[in-house]
Amino acid sequence: MDWEIKDKELIKLYETGKSKKFRIQKYVLEKFFIRIQQIEAANTIHDLWQTSSLKFKYLESEKIYSMRIDGKYRLEIEVEWENDEKTIGKFNIINLSNHYED
């Protein structure tokens, strides 16, 4: 699937591994890159749903999708659907959030 990062600081994190906004541990950064690879490798949204460890789901209250990075962090994603079945689309990564806000 196609993807794009929409947040400037998240782009910086992806390109350089560092960001003032996203101060995360190295293992979280590595998992972030793995999630991007999983999005790229997916042929349809079903490929992501079938991987239960991703906890990939639609958050109706926020009108976005959420994908687990680890037990604490999530990727927040908006999807621009390319077909009527809503199985193929462009993933717009909008945030890397601390799911449990310490």
N, C-alpha and C. Protein backbone atom coordinates (compact mmCIF):
# COMPACT_ATOMS: atom_id res chain seq x y z
N MET A 1 0.85 -1.17 0.00
CA MET A 1 0.00 0.00 0.00
C MET A 1 0.90 1.24 0.00
N ASP A 2 0.37 2.29 -0.57
CA ASP A 2 1.09 3.56 -0.56
C ASP A 2 0.93 4.22 0.80
N TRP A 3 1.88 5.05 1.18
CA TRP A 3 1.82 5.74 2.46
C TRP A 3 2.56 7.07 2.37
N GLU A 4 2.23 7.94 3.29
CA GLU A 4 2.89 9.24 3.39
C GLU A 4 2.80 9.69 4.85
N ILE A 5 3.85 10.33 5.31
CA ILE A 5 3.84 10.88 6.66
C ILE A 5 3.44 12.35 6.55
N LYS A 6 2.43 12.76 7.33
CA LYS A 6 1.89 14.11 7.24
C LYS A 6 2.49 15.09 8.27
N ASP A 7 3.01 14.59 9.38
CA ASP A 7 3.55 15.44 10.44
C ASP A 7 5.03 15.73 10.17
N LYS A 8 5.42 17.01 10.20
CA LYS A 8 6.80 17.40 9.87
C LYS A 8 7.82 16.77 10.82
N GLU A 9 7.50 16.74 12.10
CA GLU A 9 8.43 16.16 13.07
C GLU A 9 8.52 14.64 12.90
N LEU A 10 7.44 14.03 12.50
CA LEU A 10 7.45 12.59 12.26
C LEU A 10 8.26 12.27 11.01
N ILE A 11 8.20 13.14 10.01
CA ILE A 11 9.05 12.99 8.81
C ILE A 11 10.51 13.07 9.22
N LYS A 12 10.82 14.04 10.07
CA LYS A 12 12.19 14.21 10.55
C LYS A 12 12.65 12.96 11.30
N LEU A 13 11.78 12.40 12.13
CA LEU A 13 12.09 11.18 12.86
C LEU A 13 12.37 10.04 11.88
N TYR A 14 11.55 9.92 10.86
CA TYR A 14 11.71 8.86 9.87
C TYR A 14 13.01 9.02 9.09
N GLU A 15 13.34 10.24 8.72
CA GLU A 15 14.52 10.49 7.88
C GLU A 15 15.83 10.49 8.66
N THR A 16 15.81 10.97 9.90
CA THR A 16 17.06 11.13 10.65
C THR A 16 17.15 10.26 11.90
N GLY A 17 16.02 9.74 12.35
CA GLY A 17 16.01 8.97 13.59
C GLY A 17 15.92 9.82 14.83
N LYS A 18 15.76 11.14 14.64
CA LYS A 18 15.69 12.07 15.78
C LYS A 18 14.59 13.10 15.55
N SER A 19 13.98 13.54 16.64
CA SER A 19 12.95 14.56 16.58
C SER A 19 12.77 15.17 17.97
N LYS A 20 12.59 16.47 18.02
CA LYS A 20 12.34 17.13 19.31
C LYS A 20 10.97 16.76 19.87
N LYS A 21 10.00 16.60 18.99
CA LYS A 21 8.64 16.28 19.41
C LYS A 21 8.50 14.82 19.85
N PHE A 22 9.16 13.92 19.15
CA PHE A 22 9.04 12.49 19.43
C PHE A 22 10.34 11.98 20.05
N ARG A 23 10.40 12.01 21.35
CA ARG A 23 11.57 11.50 22.07
C ARG A 23 11.25 10.07 22.49
N ILE A 24 11.68 9.15 21.67
CA ILE A 24 11.36 7.74 21.91
C ILE A 24 12.63 6.93 22.02
N GLN A 25 12.50 5.77 22.63
CA GLN A 25 13.64 4.87 22.77
C GLN A 25 13.96 4.22 21.44
N LYS A 26 15.20 3.75 21.33
CA LYS A 26 15.68 3.17 20.07
C LYS A 26 14.83 1.98 19.61
N TYR A 27 14.42 1.13 20.54
CA TYR A 27 13.63 -0.04 20.14
C TYR A 27 12.27 0.38 19.58
N VAL A 28 11.69 1.49 20.07
CA VAL A 28 10.42 1.99 19.54
C VAL A 28 10.64 2.52 18.13
N LEU A 29 11.75 3.21 17.91
CA LEU A 29 12.08 3.71 16.58
C LEU A 29 12.22 2.55 15.60
N GLU A 30 12.88 1.49 16.02
CA GLU A 30 13.03 0.32 15.15
C GLU A 30 11.68 -0.29 14.80
N LYS A 31 10.79 -0.38 15.78
CA LYS A 31 9.45 -0.92 15.52
C LYS A 31 8.65 0.01 14.61
N PHE A 32 8.87 1.32 14.73
CA PHE A 32 8.23 2.30 13.85
C PHE A 32 8.61 1.98 12.39
N PHE A 33 9.89 1.76 12.13
CA PHE A 33 10.34 1.43 10.78
C PHE A 33 9.74 0.10 10.30
N ILE A 34 9.64 -0.85 11.20
CA ILE A 34 9.03 -2.15 10.85
C ILE A 34 7.57 -1.96 10.44
N ARG A 35 6.83 -1.11 11.17
CA ARG A 35 5.43 -0.87 10.84
C ARG A 35 5.30 -0.23 9.45
N ILE A 36 6.19 0.69 9.12
CA ILE A 36 6.17 1.30 7.78
C ILE A 36 6.38 0.21 6.72
N GLN A 37 7.31 -0.68 6.97
CA GLN A 37 7.56 -1.79 6.03
C GLN A 37 6.34 -2.69 5.90
N GLN A 38 5.64 -2.93 7.00
CA GLN A 38 4.43 -3.76 6.95
C GLN A 38 3.33 -3.09 6.14
N ILE A 39 3.20 -1.77 6.27
CA ILE A 39 2.22 -1.03 5.47
C ILE A 39 2.58 -1.15 3.99
N GLU A 40 3.86 -0.95 3.66
CA GLU A 40 4.31 -1.06 2.27
C GLU A 40 4.04 -2.44 1.69
N ALA A 41 4.24 -3.47 2.50
CA ALA A 41 4.11 -4.85 2.03
C ALA A 41 2.65 -5.30 1.89
N ALA A 42 1.73 -4.63 2.55
CA ALA A 42 0.33 -5.03 2.52
C ALA A 42 -0.27 -4.80 1.13
N ASN A 43 -0.98 -5.81 0.64
CA ASN A 43 -1.70 -5.67 -0.62
C ASN A 43 -3.07 -5.05 -0.40
N THR A 44 -3.70 -5.43 0.70
CA THR A 44 -5.01 -4.87 1.07
C THR A 44 -5.00 -4.64 2.58
N ILE A 45 -6.03 -3.97 3.04
CA ILE A 45 -6.15 -3.71 4.47
C ILE A 45 -6.30 -5.00 5.26
N HIS A 46 -6.78 -6.04 4.61
CA HIS A 46 -6.95 -7.34 5.28
C HIS A 46 -5.61 -7.92 5.73
N ASP A 47 -4.54 -7.63 4.99
CA ASP A 47 -3.22 -8.11 5.40
C ASP A 47 -2.83 -7.53 6.76
N LEU A 48 -3.24 -6.33 7.04
CA LEU A 48 -2.92 -5.70 8.33
C LEU A 48 -3.85 -6.21 9.42
N TRP A 49 -5.11 -6.41 9.10
CA TRP A 49 -6.06 -6.94 10.09
C TRP A 49 -5.69 -8.36 10.52
N GLN A 50 -5.12 -9.13 9.61
CA GLN A 50 -4.79 -10.52 9.92
C GLN A 50 -3.61 -10.66 10.88
N THR A 51 -2.83 -9.61 11.03
CA THR A 51 -1.71 -9.63 11.98
C THR A 51 -2.22 -9.09 13.30
N SER A 52 -2.66 -9.98 14.16
CA SER A 52 -3.32 -9.57 15.40
C SER A 52 -2.44 -8.72 16.31
N SER A 53 -1.13 -8.91 16.27
CA SER A 53 -0.23 -8.14 17.13
C SER A 53 -0.22 -6.65 16.80
N LEU A 54 -0.66 -6.29 15.61
CA LEU A 54 -0.71 -4.86 15.24
C LEU A 54 -1.85 -4.13 15.93
N LYS A 55 -2.87 -4.87 16.35
CA LYS A 55 -4.07 -4.25 16.93
C LYS A 55 -4.57 -3.13 16.01
N PHE A 56 -4.54 -3.42 14.70
CA PHE A 56 -4.96 -2.45 13.69
C PHE A 56 -6.48 -2.33 13.73
N LYS A 57 -6.97 -1.13 14.01
CA LYS A 57 -8.42 -0.97 14.11
C LYS A 57 -8.84 0.46 13.79
N TYR A 58 -10.11 0.59 13.49
CA TYR A 58 -10.72 1.89 13.21
C TYR A 58 -11.26 2.46 14.50
N LEU A 59 -10.89 3.69 14.78
CA LEU A 59 -11.39 4.38 15.97
C LEU A 59 -12.51 5.31 15.54
N GLU A 60 -13.73 4.87 15.67
CA GLU A 60 -14.89 5.63 15.20
C GLU A 60 -14.97 7.02 15.81
N SER A 61 -14.66 7.13 17.09
CA SER A 61 -14.78 8.42 17.76
C SER A 61 -13.83 9.46 17.20
N GLU A 62 -12.69 9.00 16.64
CA GLU A 62 -11.70 9.94 16.10
C GLU A 62 -11.61 9.90 14.58
N LYS A 63 -12.34 8.98 13.95
CA LYS A 63 -12.37 8.82 12.50
C LYS A 63 -10.98 8.55 11.91
N ILE A 64 -10.17 7.78 12.64
CA ILE A 64 -8.84 7.40 12.19
C ILE A 64 -8.62 5.92 12.50
N TYR A 65 -7.55 5.39 11.94
CA TYR A 65 -7.12 4.04 12.26
C TYR A 65 -5.94 4.12 13.23
N SER A 66 -5.79 3.08 14.01
CA SER A 66 -4.71 2.98 14.98
C SER A 66 -3.97 1.68 14.76
N MET A 67 -2.64 1.75 14.83
CA MET A 67 -1.81 0.56 14.66
C MET A 67 -0.76 0.55 15.78
N ARG A 68 -0.64 -0.57 16.45
CA ARG A 68 0.29 -0.69 17.58
C ARG A 68 1.75 -0.65 17.10
N ILE A 69 2.54 0.17 17.79
CA ILE A 69 3.99 0.13 17.63
C ILE A 69 4.54 -0.83 18.68
N ASP A 70 4.16 -0.58 19.92
CA ASP A 70 4.46 -1.49 21.03
C ASP A 70 3.34 -1.33 22.05
N GLY A 71 3.53 -1.82 23.26
CA GLY A 71 2.49 -1.73 24.26
C GLY A 71 2.10 -0.32 24.64
N LYS A 72 2.95 0.64 24.36
CA LYS A 72 2.73 2.02 24.78
C LYS A 72 2.42 2.98 23.62
N TYR A 73 3.01 2.75 22.47
CA TYR A 73 2.89 3.69 21.35
C TYR A 73 2.03 3.15 20.22
N ARG A 74 1.34 4.07 19.54
CA ARG A 74 0.47 3.75 18.40
C ARG A 74 0.74 4.71 17.25
N LEU A 75 0.58 4.22 16.04
CA LEU A 75 0.55 5.09 14.86
C LEU A 75 -0.91 5.45 14.62
N GLU A 76 -1.16 6.71 14.33
CA GLU A 76 -2.50 7.15 13.97
C GLU A 76 -2.49 7.45 12.48
N ILE A 77 -3.49 6.89 11.79
CA ILE A 77 -3.48 6.88 10.33
C ILE A 77 -4.85 7.28 9.77
N GLU A 78 -4.82 8.14 8.76
CA GLU A 78 -6.01 8.42 7.96
C GLU A 78 -5.82 7.67 6.64
N VAL A 79 -6.90 7.15 6.09
CA VAL A 79 -6.80 6.38 4.85
C VAL A 79 -7.62 7.05 3.76
N GLU A 80 -7.00 7.25 2.61
CA GLU A 80 -7.69 7.72 1.41
C GLU A 80 -7.98 6.48 0.58
N TRP A 81 -9.23 6.03 0.58
CA TRP A 81 -9.59 4.79 -0.10
C TRP A 81 -9.52 4.95 -1.60
N GLU A 82 -9.02 3.91 -2.28
CA GLU A 82 -8.88 3.91 -3.73
C GLU A 82 -9.91 3.02 -4.41
N ASN A 83 -10.70 2.27 -3.59
CA ASN A 83 -11.74 1.43 -4.18
C ASN A 83 -12.99 1.48 -3.31
N ASP A 84 -14.11 1.08 -3.89
CA ASP A 84 -15.39 1.13 -3.18
C ASP A 84 -15.47 0.15 -2.02
N GLU A 85 -14.72 -0.93 -2.10
CA GLU A 85 -14.74 -1.93 -1.03
C GLU A 85 -13.96 -1.49 0.21
N LYS A 86 -13.22 -0.40 0.08
CA LYS A 86 -12.37 0.13 1.16
C LYS A 86 -11.38 -0.93 1.65
N THR A 87 -10.68 -1.51 0.67
CA THR A 87 -9.64 -2.48 1.01
C THR A 87 -8.25 -2.02 0.57
N ILE A 88 -8.21 -1.06 -0.36
CA ILE A 88 -6.94 -0.54 -0.87
C ILE A 88 -6.98 0.98 -0.75
N GLY A 89 -5.91 1.54 -0.24
CA GLY A 89 -5.88 2.99 -0.09
C GLY A 89 -4.51 3.50 0.25
N LYS A 90 -4.40 4.81 0.30
CA LYS A 90 -3.15 5.47 0.68
C LYS A 90 -3.22 5.76 2.17
N PHE A 91 -2.19 5.34 2.91
CA PHE A 91 -2.13 5.56 4.34
C PHE A 91 -1.40 6.87 4.62
N ASN A 92 -2.11 7.79 5.27
CA ASN A 92 -1.53 9.05 5.68
C ASN A 92 -1.25 8.97 7.18
N ILE A 93 0.02 8.86 7.52
CA ILE A 93 0.41 8.71 8.92
C ILE A 93 0.43 10.10 9.55
N ILE A 94 -0.45 10.30 10.53
CA ILE A 94 -0.62 11.64 11.09
C ILE A 94 0.00 11.84 12.46
N ASN A 95 0.27 10.73 13.17
CA ASN A 95 0.82 10.90 14.51
C ASN A 95 1.40 9.59 15.04
N LEU A 96 2.35 9.74 15.93
CA LEU A 96 2.86 8.65 16.74
C LEU A 96 2.50 9.04 18.16
N SER A 97 1.53 8.34 18.73
CA SER A 97 1.00 8.77 20.02
C SER A 97 1.38 7.83 21.14
N ASN A 98 1.50 8.41 22.32
CA ASN A 98 1.69 7.64 23.54
C ASN A 98 0.30 7.21 23.96
N HIS A 99 0.02 5.95 23.79
CA HIS A 99 -1.33 5.42 23.97
C HIS A 99 -1.83 5.56 25.40
N TYR A 100 -0.92 5.52 26.35
CA TYR A 100 -1.35 5.54 27.75
C TYR A 100 -0.92 6.79 28.49
N GLU A 101 -0.41 7.79 27.79
CA GLU A 101 -0.04 9.09 28.37
C GLU A 101 0.38 9.01 29.82
N ASP A 102 1.65 8.86 30.05
CA ASP A 102 2.17 8.79 31.42
C ASP A 102 1.93 10.06 32.18
